[in-house]
Structures are given as C-alpha cells and as structure tokens.
C-alpha cells in the first residue's frame, strides 16, 4: 500500500510541476541573405509553454522589415534542441521557430 501511495504522490507532483508557463519568443538567429529569422524560448521538460505566437510574428516582421523585406511568416514548424540532460534524458530544451521574410526581393 505504501508503494502505491508513494507512486500516486510522485505522479501528482509531476503533473503539478508540469504547469503552464508563459514564454516569449526572442530573436536567436537567422540570415539576412536567406531572409530567415529564428525566434526561440527555453523550457523545462516538465513545463508546458504558453506562447504568444502573434508576438513572435510581430518581432520577426520587425527584423525582416529592417532588412528590407515587407513581411514574414512562420516556416517549417518548431525545432527542439536539448540544452541540459540527466540520467532520465533531456531536462531543458531550446525551442526555435523559423520565420521566412517575404517580399522586397533583395535585402537592403
């Protein structure tokens, strides 16, 4: 009985630890020549991210416009890269969304 109770308490803790957290996409890379902007956030393995994708798109558009393009759109989904791990696997990820700059032809 004690093991079952311990397992239930552990499961309850893990679910509670997996609460949603607000994350902001920030510029982390890209290429003016290729017309791509990379926006990222960090997240723990037990966290669930609440992302304001409109904020990310607005930031990507600003970067693209500064490079001479007229707009931007998300391109290719998201990429997760392990930032830290332990014996159970990855415990911290960098999540990156790539945006494609549009219009304007050649960047300034």
PDB file of N, CA and C in Angstrom:
ATOM      1  N   UNK A   1       0.823  -1.199   0.000  1.00  0.00           N
ATOM      2  CA  UNK A   1       0.000   0.000   0.000  1.00  0.00           C
ATOM      3  C   UNK A   1       0.867   1.264   0.000  1.00  0.00           C
ATOM      4  N   UNK A   2       1.972   1.221   0.743  1.00  0.00           N
ATOM      5  CA  UNK A   2       2.855   2.372   0.827  1.00  0.00           C
ATOM      6  C   UNK A   2       3.468   2.733  -0.511  1.00  0.00           C
ATOM      7  N   UNK A   3       3.819   1.707  -1.309  1.00  0.00           N
ATOM      8  CA  UNK A   3       4.399   1.963  -2.629  1.00  0.00           C
ATOM      9  C   UNK A   3       3.384   2.600  -3.571  1.00  0.00           C
ATOM     10  N   UNK A   4       2.162   2.137  -3.500  1.00  0.00           N
ATOM     11  CA  UNK A   4       1.108   2.704  -4.350  1.00  0.00           C
ATOM     12  C   UNK A   4       0.880   4.156  -3.984  1.00  0.00           C
ATOM     13  N   UNK A   5       0.814   4.441  -2.682  1.00  0.00           N
ATOM     14  CA  UNK A   5       0.627   5.820  -2.233  1.00  0.00           C
ATOM     15  C   UNK A   5       1.799   6.682  -2.677  1.00  0.00           C
ATOM     16  N   UNK A   6       3.026   6.172  -2.550  1.00  0.00           N
ATOM     17  CA  UNK A   6       4.210   6.925  -2.976  1.00  0.00           C
ATOM     18  C   UNK A   6       4.174   7.191  -4.478  1.00  0.00           C
ATOM     19  N   UNK A   7       3.780   6.189  -5.253  1.00  0.00           N
ATOM     20  CA  UNK A   7       3.687   6.357  -6.707  1.00  0.00           C
ATOM     21  C   UNK A   7       2.631   7.402  -7.054  1.00  0.00           C
ATOM     22  N   UNK A   8       1.508   7.387  -6.353  1.00  0.00           N
ATOM     23  CA  UNK A   8       0.444   8.373  -6.613  1.00  0.00           C
ATOM     24  C   UNK A   8       0.907   9.783  -6.246  1.00  0.00           C
ATOM     25  N   UNK A   9       1.616   9.916  -5.135  1.00  0.00           N
ATOM     26  CA  UNK A   9       2.124  11.228  -4.739  1.00  0.00           C
ATOM     27  C   UNK A   9       3.136  11.741  -5.749  1.00  0.00           C
ATOM     28  N   UNK A  10       4.022  10.856  -6.240  1.00  0.00           N
ATOM     29  CA  UNK A  10       5.008  11.250  -7.238  1.00  0.00           C
ATOM     30  C   UNK A  10       4.309  11.694  -8.512  1.00  0.00           C
ATOM     31  N   UNK A  11       3.312  10.944  -8.954  1.00  0.00           N
ATOM     32  CA  UNK A  11       2.571  11.312 -10.169  1.00  0.00           C
ATOM     33  C   UNK A  11       1.878  12.659  -9.992  1.00  0.00           C
ATOM     34  N   UNK A  12       1.276  12.885  -8.829  1.00  0.00           N
ATOM     35  CA  UNK A  12       0.625  14.167  -8.552  1.00  0.00           C
ATOM     36  C   UNK A  12       1.640  15.308  -8.597  1.00  0.00           C
ATOM     37  N   UNK A  13       2.821  15.081  -8.004  1.00  0.00           N
ATOM     38  CA  UNK A  13       3.869  16.102  -8.030  1.00  0.00           C
ATOM     39  C   UNK A  13       4.308  16.406  -9.460  1.00  0.00           C
ATOM     40  N   UNK A  14       4.523  15.365 -10.262  1.00  0.00           N
ATOM     41  CA  UNK A  14       4.981  15.562 -11.638  1.00  0.00           C
ATOM     42  C   UNK A  14       3.947  16.307 -12.468  1.00  0.00           C
ATOM     43  N   UNK A  15       2.674  16.007 -12.280  1.00  0.00           N
ATOM     44  CA  UNK A  15       1.618  16.721 -13.005  1.00  0.00           C
ATOM     45  C   UNK A  15       1.586  18.179 -12.565  1.00  0.00           C
ATOM     46  N   UNK A  16       1.691  18.405 -11.257  1.00  0.00           N
ATOM     47  CA  UNK A  16       1.672  19.785 -10.745  1.00  0.00           C
ATOM     48  C   UNK A  16       2.897  20.550 -11.226  1.00  0.00           C
ATOM     49  N   UNK A  17       4.043  19.880 -11.309  1.00  0.00           N
ATOM     50  CA  UNK A  17       5.264  20.539 -11.769  1.00  0.00           C
ATOM     51  C   UNK A  17       5.178  20.895 -13.246  1.00  0.00           C
ATOM     52  N   UNK A  18       4.300  20.235 -13.971  1.00  0.00           N
ATOM     53  CA  UNK A  18       4.147  20.475 -15.401  1.00  0.00           C
ATOM     54  C   UNK A  18       3.176  21.596 -15.709  1.00  0.00           C
ATOM     55  N   UNK A  19       3.063  22.559 -14.837  1.00  0.00           N
ATOM     56  CA  UNK A  19       2.148  23.680 -15.042  1.00  0.00           C
ATOM     57  C   UNK A  19       2.521  24.474 -16.284  1.00  0.00           C
ATOM     58  N   UNK A  20       1.542  25.176 -16.812  1.00  0.00           N
ATOM     59  CA  UNK A  20       1.800  26.048 -17.958  1.00  0.00           C
ATOM     60  C   UNK A  20       2.595  27.265 -17.508  1.00  0.00           C
ATOM     61  N   UNK A  21       3.455  27.718 -18.382  1.00  0.00           N
ATOM     62  CA  UNK A  21       4.235  28.915 -18.105  1.00  0.00           C
ATOM     63  C   UNK A  21       4.285  29.770 -19.365  1.00  0.00           C
ATOM     64  N   UNK A  22       4.156  31.069 -19.202  1.00  0.00           N
ATOM     65  CA  UNK A  22       4.211  31.984 -20.345  1.00  0.00           C
ATOM     66  C   UNK A  22       5.651  32.153 -20.802  1.00  0.00           C
ATOM     67  N   UNK A  23       5.856  32.014 -22.089  1.00  0.00           N
ATOM     68  CA  UNK A  23       7.181  32.167 -22.675  1.00  0.00           C
ATOM     69  C   UNK A  23       7.110  33.183 -23.809  1.00  0.00           C
ATOM     70  N   UNK A  24       8.181  33.938 -23.969  1.00  0.00           N
ATOM     71  CA  UNK A  24       8.266  34.946 -25.022  1.00  0.00           C
ATOM     72  C   UNK A  24       9.300  34.510 -26.046  1.00  0.00           C
ATOM     73  N   UNK A  25       8.928  34.554 -27.310  1.00  0.00           N
ATOM     74  CA  UNK A  25       9.868  34.260 -28.388  1.00  0.00           C
ATOM     75  C   UNK A  25      10.823  35.442 -28.542  1.00  0.00           C
ATOM     76  N   UNK A  26      12.122  35.157 -28.514  1.00  0.00           N
ATOM     77  CA  UNK A  26      13.134  36.201 -28.684  1.00  0.00           C
ATOM     78  C   UNK A  26      14.041  35.833 -29.853  1.00  0.00           C
ATOM     79  N   UNK A  27      14.575  36.836 -30.554  1.00  0.00           N
ATOM     80  CA  UNK A  27      15.458  36.552 -31.696  1.00  0.00           C
ATOM     81  C   UNK A  27      16.731  35.842 -31.235  1.00  0.00           C
ATOM     82  N   UNK A  28      17.061  34.750 -31.908  1.00  0.00           N
ATOM     83  CA  UNK A  28      18.275  33.995 -31.562  1.00  0.00           C
ATOM     84  C   UNK A  28      19.139  33.692 -32.777  1.00  0.00           C
ATOM     85  N   UNK A  29      18.692  34.073 -33.968  1.00  0.00           N
ATOM     86  CA  UNK A  29      19.497  33.802 -35.148  1.00  0.00           C
ATOM     87  C   UNK A  29      18.730  34.092 -36.416  1.00  0.00           C
ATOM     88  N   UNK A  30      19.308  33.683 -37.503  1.00  0.00           N
ATOM     89  CA  UNK A  30      18.692  33.888 -38.803  1.00  0.00           C
ATOM     90  C   UNK A  30      19.726  34.337 -39.810  1.00  0.00           C
ATOM     91  N   UNK A  31      19.243  34.684 -40.993  1.00  0.00           N
ATOM     92  CA  UNK A  31      20.128  35.098 -42.066  1.00  0.00           C
ATOM     93  C   UNK A  31      19.459  36.192 -42.893  1.00  0.00           C
ATOM     94  N   UNK A  32      20.088  37.335 -42.953  1.00  0.00           N
ATOM     95  CA  UNK A  32      19.584  38.433 -43.775  1.00  0.00           C
ATOM     96  C   UNK A  32      19.554  38.015 -45.245  1.00  0.00           C
ATOM     97  N   UNK A  33      20.609  37.385 -45.699  1.00  0.00           N
ATOM     98  CA  UNK A  33      20.702  36.969 -47.086  1.00  0.00           C
ATOM     99  C   UNK A  33      19.638  35.934 -47.453  1.00  0.00           C
ATOM    100  N   UNK A  34      19.423  34.951 -46.577  1.00  0.00           N
ATOM    101  CA  UNK A  34      18.411  33.921 -46.821  1.00  0.00           C
ATOM    102  C   UNK A  34      16.998  34.389 -46.479  1.00  0.00           C
ATOM    103  N   UNK A  35      16.896  35.510 -45.770  1.00  0.00           N
ATOM    104  CA  UNK A  35      15.593  36.031 -45.377  1.00  0.00           C
ATOM    105  C   UNK A  35      14.908  35.154 -44.344  1.00  0.00           C
ATOM    106  N   UNK A  36      15.668  34.692 -43.348  1.00  0.00           N
ATOM    107  CA  UNK A  36      15.084  33.893 -42.274  1.00  0.00           C
ATOM    108  C   UNK A  36      15.405  34.518 -40.920  1.00  0.00           C
ATOM    109  N   UNK A  37      14.446  34.400 -40.006  1.00  0.00           N
ATOM    110  CA  UNK A  37      14.614  34.888 -38.644  1.00  0.00           C
ATOM    111  C   UNK A  37      14.283  33.726 -37.720  1.00  0.00           C
ATOM    112  N   UNK A  38      15.158  33.456 -36.755  1.00  0.00           N
ATOM    113  CA  UNK A  38      14.912  32.410 -35.775  1.00  0.00           C
ATOM    114  C   UNK A  38      14.538  33.050 -34.454  1.00  0.00           C
ATOM    115  N   UNK A  39      13.409  32.613 -33.908  1.00  0.00           N
ATOM    116  CA  UNK A  39      12.905  33.096 -32.624  1.00  0.00           C
ATOM    117  C   UNK A  39      12.810  31.893 -31.691  1.00  0.00           C
ATOM    118  N   UNK A  40      13.278  32.042 -30.433  1.00  0.00           N
ATOM    119  CA  UNK A  40      13.357  30.891 -29.531  1.00  0.00           C
ATOM    120  C   UNK A  40      12.888  31.215 -28.124  1.00  0.00           C
ATOM    121  N   UNK A  41      12.628  30.145 -27.371  1.00  0.00           N
ATOM    122  CA  UNK A  41      12.382  30.219 -25.937  1.00  0.00           C
ATOM    123  C   UNK A  41      12.926  28.943 -25.306  1.00  0.00           C
ATOM    124  N   UNK A  42      13.238  29.000 -23.996  1.00  0.00           N
ATOM    125  CA  UNK A  42      13.714  27.833 -23.265  1.00  0.00           C
ATOM    126  C   UNK A  42      12.578  27.281 -22.422  1.00  0.00           C
ATOM    127  N   UNK A  43      12.568  25.940 -22.284  1.00  0.00           N
ATOM    128  CA  UNK A  43      11.516  25.296 -21.499  1.00  0.00           C
ATOM    129  C   UNK A  43      12.067  24.045 -20.830  1.00  0.00           C
ATOM    130  N   UNK A  44      11.638  23.798 -19.599  1.00  0.00           N
ATOM    131  CA  UNK A  44      11.991  22.570 -18.899  1.00  0.00           C
ATOM    132  C   UNK A  44      11.147  21.414 -19.403  1.00  0.00           C
ATOM    133  N   UNK A  45      11.647  20.207 -19.216  1.00  0.00           N
ATOM    134  CA  UNK A  45      10.960  19.035 -19.767  1.00  0.00           C
ATOM    135  C   UNK A  45       9.581  18.812 -19.157  1.00  0.00           C
ATOM    136  N   UNK A  46       9.349  19.254 -17.931  1.00  0.00           N
ATOM    137  CA  UNK A  46       8.043  19.060 -17.296  1.00  0.00           C
ATOM    138  C   UNK A  46       7.132  20.276 -17.429  1.00  0.00           C
ATOM    139  N   UNK A  47       7.601  21.323 -18.086  1.00  0.00           N
ATOM    140  CA  UNK A  47       6.795  22.524 -18.257  1.00  0.00           C
ATOM    141  C   UNK A  47       5.984  22.449 -19.542  1.00  0.00           C
ATOM    142  N   UNK A  48       4.858  23.124 -19.509  1.00  0.00           N
ATOM    143  CA  UNK A  48       4.038  23.272 -20.706  1.00  0.00           C
ATOM    144  C   UNK A  48       4.033  24.760 -21.037  1.00  0.00           C
ATOM    145  N   UNK A  49       4.472  25.104 -22.241  1.00  0.00           N
ATOM    146  CA  UNK A  49       4.628  26.512 -22.624  1.00  0.00           C
ATOM    147  C   UNK A  49       3.338  27.097 -23.166  1.00  0.00           C
ATOM    148  N   UNK A  50       3.070  28.306 -22.765  1.00  0.00           N
ATOM    149  CA  UNK A  50       2.006  29.128 -23.338  1.00  0.00           C
ATOM    150  C   UNK A  50       2.738  30.203 -24.141  1.00  0.00           C
ATOM    151  N   UNK A  51       2.643  30.130 -25.462  1.00  0.00           N
ATOM    152  CA  UNK A  51       3.395  31.026 -26.338  1.00  0.00           C
ATOM    153  C   UNK A  51       2.448  31.990 -27.023  1.00  0.00           C
ATOM    154  N   UNK A  52       2.830  33.268 -27.035  1.00  0.00           N
ATOM    155  CA  UNK A  52       2.092  34.266 -27.799  1.00  0.00           C
ATOM    156  C   UNK A  52       2.721  34.305 -29.187  1.00  0.00           C
ATOM    157  N   UNK A  53       2.182  33.486 -30.088  1.00  0.00           N
ATOM    158  CA  UNK A  53       2.753  33.378 -31.430  1.00  0.00           C
ATOM    159  C   UNK A  53       2.620  34.688 -32.208  1.00  0.00           C
ATOM    160  N   UNK A  54       1.609  35.485 -31.901  1.00  0.00           N
ATOM    161  CA  UNK A  54       1.446  36.779 -32.580  1.00  0.00           C
ATOM    162  C   UNK A  54       2.608  37.706 -32.228  1.00  0.00           C
ATOM    163  N   UNK A  55       3.060  37.672 -30.964  1.00  0.00           N
ATOM    164  CA  UNK A  55       4.218  38.463 -30.546  1.00  0.00           C
ATOM    165  C   UNK A  55       5.459  38.027 -31.310  1.00  0.00           C
ATOM    166  N   UNK A  56       5.635  36.711 -31.479  1.00  0.00           N
ATOM    167  CA  UNK A  56       6.782  36.198 -32.228  1.00  0.00           C
ATOM    168  C   UNK A  56       6.759  36.651 -33.671  1.00  0.00           C
ATOM    169  N   UNK A  57       5.572  36.600 -34.296  1.00  0.00           N
ATOM    170  CA  UNK A  57       5.424  37.038 -35.679  1.00  0.00           C
ATOM    171  C   UNK A  57       5.700  38.533 -35.808  1.00  0.00           C
ATOM    172  N   UNK A  58       5.214  39.319 -34.852  1.00  0.00           N
ATOM    173  CA  UNK A  58       5.463  40.759 -34.872  1.00  0.00           C
ATOM    174  C   UNK A  58       6.960  41.056 -34.793  1.00  0.00           C
ATOM    175  N   UNK A  59       7.674  40.369 -33.904  1.00  0.00           N
ATOM    176  CA  UNK A  59       9.122  40.569 -33.784  1.00  0.00           C
ATOM    177  C   UNK A  59       9.857  40.145 -35.048  1.00  0.00           C
ATOM    178  N   UNK A  60       9.437  39.017 -35.634  1.00  0.00           N
ATOM    179  CA  UNK A  60      10.071  38.554 -36.874  1.00  0.00           C
ATOM    180  C   UNK A  60       9.815  39.548 -38.004  1.00  0.00           C
ATOM    181  N   UNK A  61       8.600  40.090 -38.088  1.00  0.00           N
ATOM    182  CA  UNK A  61       8.284  41.083 -39.120  1.00  0.00           C
ATOM    183  C   UNK A  61       9.162  42.317 -38.968  1.00  0.00           C
ATOM    184  N   UNK A  62       9.365  42.776 -37.731  1.00  0.00           N
ATOM    185  CA  UNK A  62      10.214  43.944 -37.495  1.00  0.00           C
ATOM    186  C   UNK A  62      11.634  43.696 -37.992  1.00  0.00           C
ATOM    187  N   UNK A  63      12.175  42.513 -37.700  1.00  0.00           N
ATOM    188  CA  UNK A  63      13.525  42.176 -38.139  1.00  0.00           C
ATOM    189  C   UNK A  63      13.583  42.121 -39.666  1.00  0.00           C
ATOM    190  N   UNK A  64      12.588  41.475 -40.293  1.00  0.00           N
ATOM    191  CA  UNK A  64      12.560  41.372 -41.760  1.00  0.00           C
ATOM    192  C   UNK A  64      12.445  42.753 -42.408  1.00  0.00           C
ATOM    193  N   UNK A  65      11.603  43.605 -41.853  1.00  0.00           N
ATOM    194  CA  UNK A  65      11.437  44.956 -42.415  1.00  0.00           C
ATOM    195  C   UNK A  65      12.716  45.760 -42.278  1.00  0.00           C
ATOM    196  N   UNK A  66      13.442  45.578 -41.176  1.00  0.00           N
ATOM    197  CA  UNK A  66      14.724  46.265 -41.007  1.00  0.00           C
ATOM    198  C   UNK A  66      15.729  45.815 -42.061  1.00  0.00           C
ATOM    199  N   UNK A  67      15.556  44.600 -42.579  1.00  0.00           N
ATOM    200  CA  UNK A  67      16.436  44.061 -43.615  1.00  0.00           C
ATOM    201  C   UNK A  67      15.947  44.382 -45.020  1.00  0.00           C
ATOM    202  N   UNK A  68      14.812  45.089 -45.151  1.00  0.00           N
ATOM    203  CA  UNK A  68      14.324  45.467 -46.470  1.00  0.00           C
ATOM    204  C   UNK A  68      13.227  44.588 -47.036  1.00  0.00           C
ATOM    205  N   UNK A  69      12.762  43.608 -46.276  1.00  0.00           N
ATOM    206  CA  UNK A  69      11.640  42.768 -46.712  1.00  0.00           C
ATOM    207  C   UNK A  69      10.338  43.411 -46.240  1.00  0.00           C
ATOM    208  N   UNK A  70       9.219  42.980 -46.799  1.00  0.00           N
ATOM    209  CA  UNK A  70       7.946  43.604 -46.448  1.00  0.00           C
ATOM    210  C   UNK A  70       7.148  42.847 -45.390  1.00  0.00           C
ATOM    211  N   UNK A  71       7.421  41.565 -45.182  1.00  0.00           N
ATOM    212  CA  UNK A  71       6.610  40.784 -44.254  1.00  0.00           C
ATOM    213  C   UNK A  71       7.373  39.531 -43.835  1.00  0.00           C
ATOM    214  N   UNK A  72       6.735  38.706 -42.973  1.00  0.00           N
ATOM    215  CA  UNK A  72       7.312  37.437 -42.538  1.00  0.00           C
ATOM    216  C   UNK A  72       6.176  36.465 -42.250  1.00  0.00           C
ATOM    217  N   UNK A  73       6.503  35.187 -42.310  1.00  0.00           N
ATOM    218  CA  UNK A  73       5.541  34.157 -41.926  1.00  0.00           C
ATOM    219  C   UNK A  73       6.295  32.970 -41.320  1.00  0.00           C
ATOM    220  N   UNK A  74       5.630  32.230 -40.398  1.00  0.00           N
ATOM    221  CA  UNK A  74       6.284  31.050 -39.827  1.00  0.00           C
ATOM    222  C   UNK A  74       6.633  30.058 -40.936  1.00  0.00           C
ATOM    223  N   UNK A  75       7.751  29.356 -40.756  1.00  0.00           N
ATOM    224  CA  UNK A  75       8.257  28.486 -41.799  1.00  0.00           C
ATOM    225  C   UNK A  75       8.796  27.196 -41.185  1.00  0.00           C
ATOM    226  N   UNK A  76       8.099  26.099 -41.390  1.00  0.00           N
ATOM    227  CA  UNK A  76       8.648  24.801 -41.011  1.00  0.00           C
ATOM    228  C   UNK A  76       8.438  24.337 -39.587  1.00  0.00           C
ATOM    229  N   UNK A  77       7.496  24.883 -38.854  1.00  0.00           N
ATOM    230  CA  UNK A  77       7.234  24.390 -37.503  1.00  0.00           C
ATOM    231  C   UNK A  77       8.281  24.817 -36.504  1.00  0.00           C
ATOM    232  N   UNK A  78       8.503  23.968 -35.486  1.00  0.00           N
ATOM    233  CA  UNK A  78       9.478  24.301 -34.452  1.00  0.00           C
ATOM    234  C   UNK A  78      10.523  23.205 -34.333  1.00  0.00           C
ATOM    235  N   UNK A  79      11.685  23.606 -33.831  1.00  0.00           N
ATOM    236  CA  UNK A  79      12.808  22.684 -33.639  1.00  0.00           C
ATOM    237  C   UNK A  79      13.186  22.711 -32.158  1.00  0.00           C
ATOM    238  N   UNK A  80      13.286  21.540 -31.551  1.00  0.00           N
ATOM    239  CA  UNK A  80      13.683  21.426 -30.138  1.00  0.00           C
ATOM    240  C   UNK A  80      15.118  20.919 -30.049  1.00  0.00           C
ATOM    241  N   UNK A  81      15.925  21.622 -29.262  1.00  0.00           N
ATOM    242  CA  UNK A  81      17.314  21.238 -29.054  1.00  0.00           C
ATOM    243  C   UNK A  81      17.531  21.055 -27.560  1.00  0.00           C
ATOM    244  N   UNK A  82      18.091  19.920 -27.166  1.00  0.00           N
ATOM    245  CA  UNK A  82      18.358  19.659 -25.757  1.00  0.00           C
ATOM    246  C   UNK A  82      19.461  20.595 -25.266  1.00  0.00           C
ATOM    247  N   UNK A  83      19.196  21.280 -24.164  1.00  0.00           N
ATOM    248  CA  UNK A  83      20.180  22.192 -23.567  1.00  0.00           C
ATOM    249  C   UNK A  83      20.840  21.598 -22.332  1.00  0.00           C
ATOM    250  N   UNK A  84      20.116  20.700 -21.640  1.00  0.00           N
ATOM    251  CA  UNK A  84      20.647  20.068 -20.425  1.00  0.00           C
ATOM    252  C   UNK A  84      19.963  18.715 -20.250  1.00  0.00           C
ATOM    253  N   UNK A  85      20.710  17.752 -19.711  1.00  0.00           N
ATOM    254  CA  UNK A  85      20.130  16.425 -19.511  1.00  0.00           C
ATOM    255  C   UNK A  85      20.633  15.824 -18.211  1.00  0.00           C
ATOM    256  N   UNK A  86      19.925  14.781 -17.789  1.00  0.00           N
ATOM    257  CA  UNK A  86      20.366  13.993 -16.640  1.00  0.00           C
ATOM    258  C   UNK A  86      20.211  12.525 -17.019  1.00  0.00           C
ATOM    259  N   UNK A  87      20.251  11.629 -16.047  1.00  0.00           N
ATOM    260  CA  UNK A  87      20.191  10.202 -16.352  1.00  0.00           C
ATOM    261  C   UNK A  87      18.835   9.766 -16.927  1.00  0.00           C
ATOM    262  N   UNK A  88      17.822  10.618 -16.820  1.00  0.00           N
ATOM    263  CA  UNK A  88      16.498  10.303 -17.356  1.00  0.00           C
ATOM    264  C   UNK A  88      16.273  10.868 -18.754  1.00  0.00           C
ATOM    265  N   UNK A  89      17.171  11.718 -19.221  1.00  0.00           N
ATOM    266  CA  UNK A  89      17.032  12.312 -20.549  1.00  0.00           C
ATOM    267  C   UNK A  89      17.145  13.826 -20.490  1.00  0.00           C
ATOM    268  N   UNK A  90      16.623  14.469 -21.502  1.00  0.00           N
ATOM    269  CA  UNK A  90      16.713  15.922 -21.603  1.00  0.00           C
ATOM    270  C   UNK A  90      15.790  16.584 -20.584  1.00  0.00           C
ATOM    271  N   UNK A  91      16.314  17.579 -19.868  1.00  0.00           N
ATOM    272  CA  UNK A  91      15.513  18.278 -18.867  1.00  0.00           C
ATOM    273  C   UNK A  91      15.318  19.758 -19.206  1.00  0.00           C
ATOM    274  N   UNK A  92      15.992  20.241 -20.228  1.00  0.00           N
ATOM    275  CA  UNK A  92      15.869  21.636 -20.659  1.00  0.00           C
ATOM    276  C   UNK A  92      16.007  21.683 -22.173  1.00  0.00           C
ATOM    277  N   UNK A  93      15.070  22.364 -22.833  1.00  0.00           N
ATOM    278  CA  UNK A  93      15.089  22.474 -24.296  1.00  0.00           C
ATOM    279  C   UNK A  93      15.115  23.934 -24.735  1.00  0.00           C
ATOM    280  N   UNK A  94      15.728  24.153 -25.884  1.00  0.00           N
ATOM    281  CA  UNK A  94      15.604  25.418 -26.600  1.00  0.00           C
ATOM    282  C   UNK A  94      14.672  25.125 -27.770  1.00  0.00           C
ATOM    283  N   UNK A  95      13.543  25.826 -27.805  1.00  0.00           N
ATOM    284  CA  UNK A  95      12.558  25.633 -28.870  1.00  0.00           C
ATOM    285  C   UNK A  95      12.676  26.816 -29.819  1.00  0.00           C
ATOM    286  N   UNK A  96      12.908  26.525 -31.100  1.00  0.00           N
ATOM    287  CA  UNK A  96      13.138  27.565 -32.101  1.00  0.00           C
ATOM    288  C   UNK A  96      12.095  27.483 -33.201  1.00  0.00           C
ATOM    289  N   UNK A  97      11.515  28.639 -33.522  1.00  0.00           N
ATOM    290  CA  UNK A  97      10.576  28.771 -34.629  1.00  0.00           C
ATOM    291  C   UNK A  97      11.260  29.626 -35.688  1.00  0.00           C
ATOM    292  N   UNK A  98      11.280  29.156 -36.923  1.00  0.00           N
ATOM    293  CA  UNK A  98      11.901  29.899 -38.017  1.00  0.00           C
ATOM    294  C   UNK A  98      10.819  30.630 -38.805  1.00  0.00           C
ATOM    295  N   UNK A  99      11.101  31.877 -39.132  1.00  0.00           N
ATOM    296  CA  UNK A  99      10.201  32.703 -39.944  1.00  0.00           C
ATOM    297  C   UNK A  99      10.905  33.038 -41.255  1.00  0.00           C
ATOM    298  N   UNK A 100      10.149  33.026 -42.329  1.00  0.00           N
ATOM    299  CA  UNK A 100      10.666  33.391 -43.645  1.00  0.00           C
ATOM    300  C   UNK A 100      10.266  34.835 -43.951  1.00  0.00           C
ATOM    301  N   UNK A 101      11.233  35.658 -44.297  1.00  0.00           N
ATOM    302  CA  UNK A 101      10.938  37.025 -44.727  1.00  0.00           C
ATOM    303  C   UNK A 101      10.341  36.973 -46.140  1.00  0.00           C
ATOM    304  N   UNK A 102       9.395  37.849 -46.405  1.00  0.00           N
ATOM    305  CA  UNK A 102       8.691  37.867 -47.692  1.00  0.00           C
ATOM    306  C   UNK A 102       8.782  39.231 -48.335  1.00  0.00           C
ATOM    307  N   UNK A 103       8.691  39.241 -49.655  1.00  0.00           N
ATOM    308  CA  UNK A 103       8.601  40.489 -50.410  1.00  0.00           C
ATOM    309  C   UNK A 103       9.895  41.291 -50.399  1.00  0.00           C
ATOM    310  N   UNK A 104       9.935  42.281 -51.241  1.00  0.00           N
ATOM    311  CA  UNK A 104      11.073  43.178 -51.258  1.00  0.00           C
ATOM    312  C   UNK A 104      12.245  42.697 -52.074  1.00  0.00           C
ATOM    313  N   UNK A 105      12.206  41.441 -52.509  1.00  0.00           N
ATOM    314  CA  UNK A 105      13.308  40.939 -53.337  1.00  0.00           C
ATOM    315  C   UNK A 105      14.628  40.939 -52.606  1.00  0.00           C
ATOM    316  N   UNK A 106      15.497  41.847 -52.946  1.00  0.00           N
ATOM    317  CA  UNK A 106      16.826  41.899 -52.351  1.00  0.00           C
ATOM    318  C   UNK A 106      16.801  42.701 -51.059  1.00  0.00           C
ATOM    319  N   UNK A 107      17.439  42.186 -50.000  1.00  0.00           N
ATOM    320  CA  UNK A 107      17.520  42.958 -48.772  1.00  0.00           C
ATOM    321  C   UNK A 107      18.405  44.171 -48.958  1.00  0.00           C
ATOM    322  N   UNK A 108      18.146  45.221 -48.181  1.00  0.00           N
ATOM    323  CA  UNK A 108      18.943  46.467 -48.244  1.00  0.00           C
ATOM    324  C   UNK A 108      20.334  46.237 -47.730  1.00  0.00           C
TER     325      UNK A 108
END
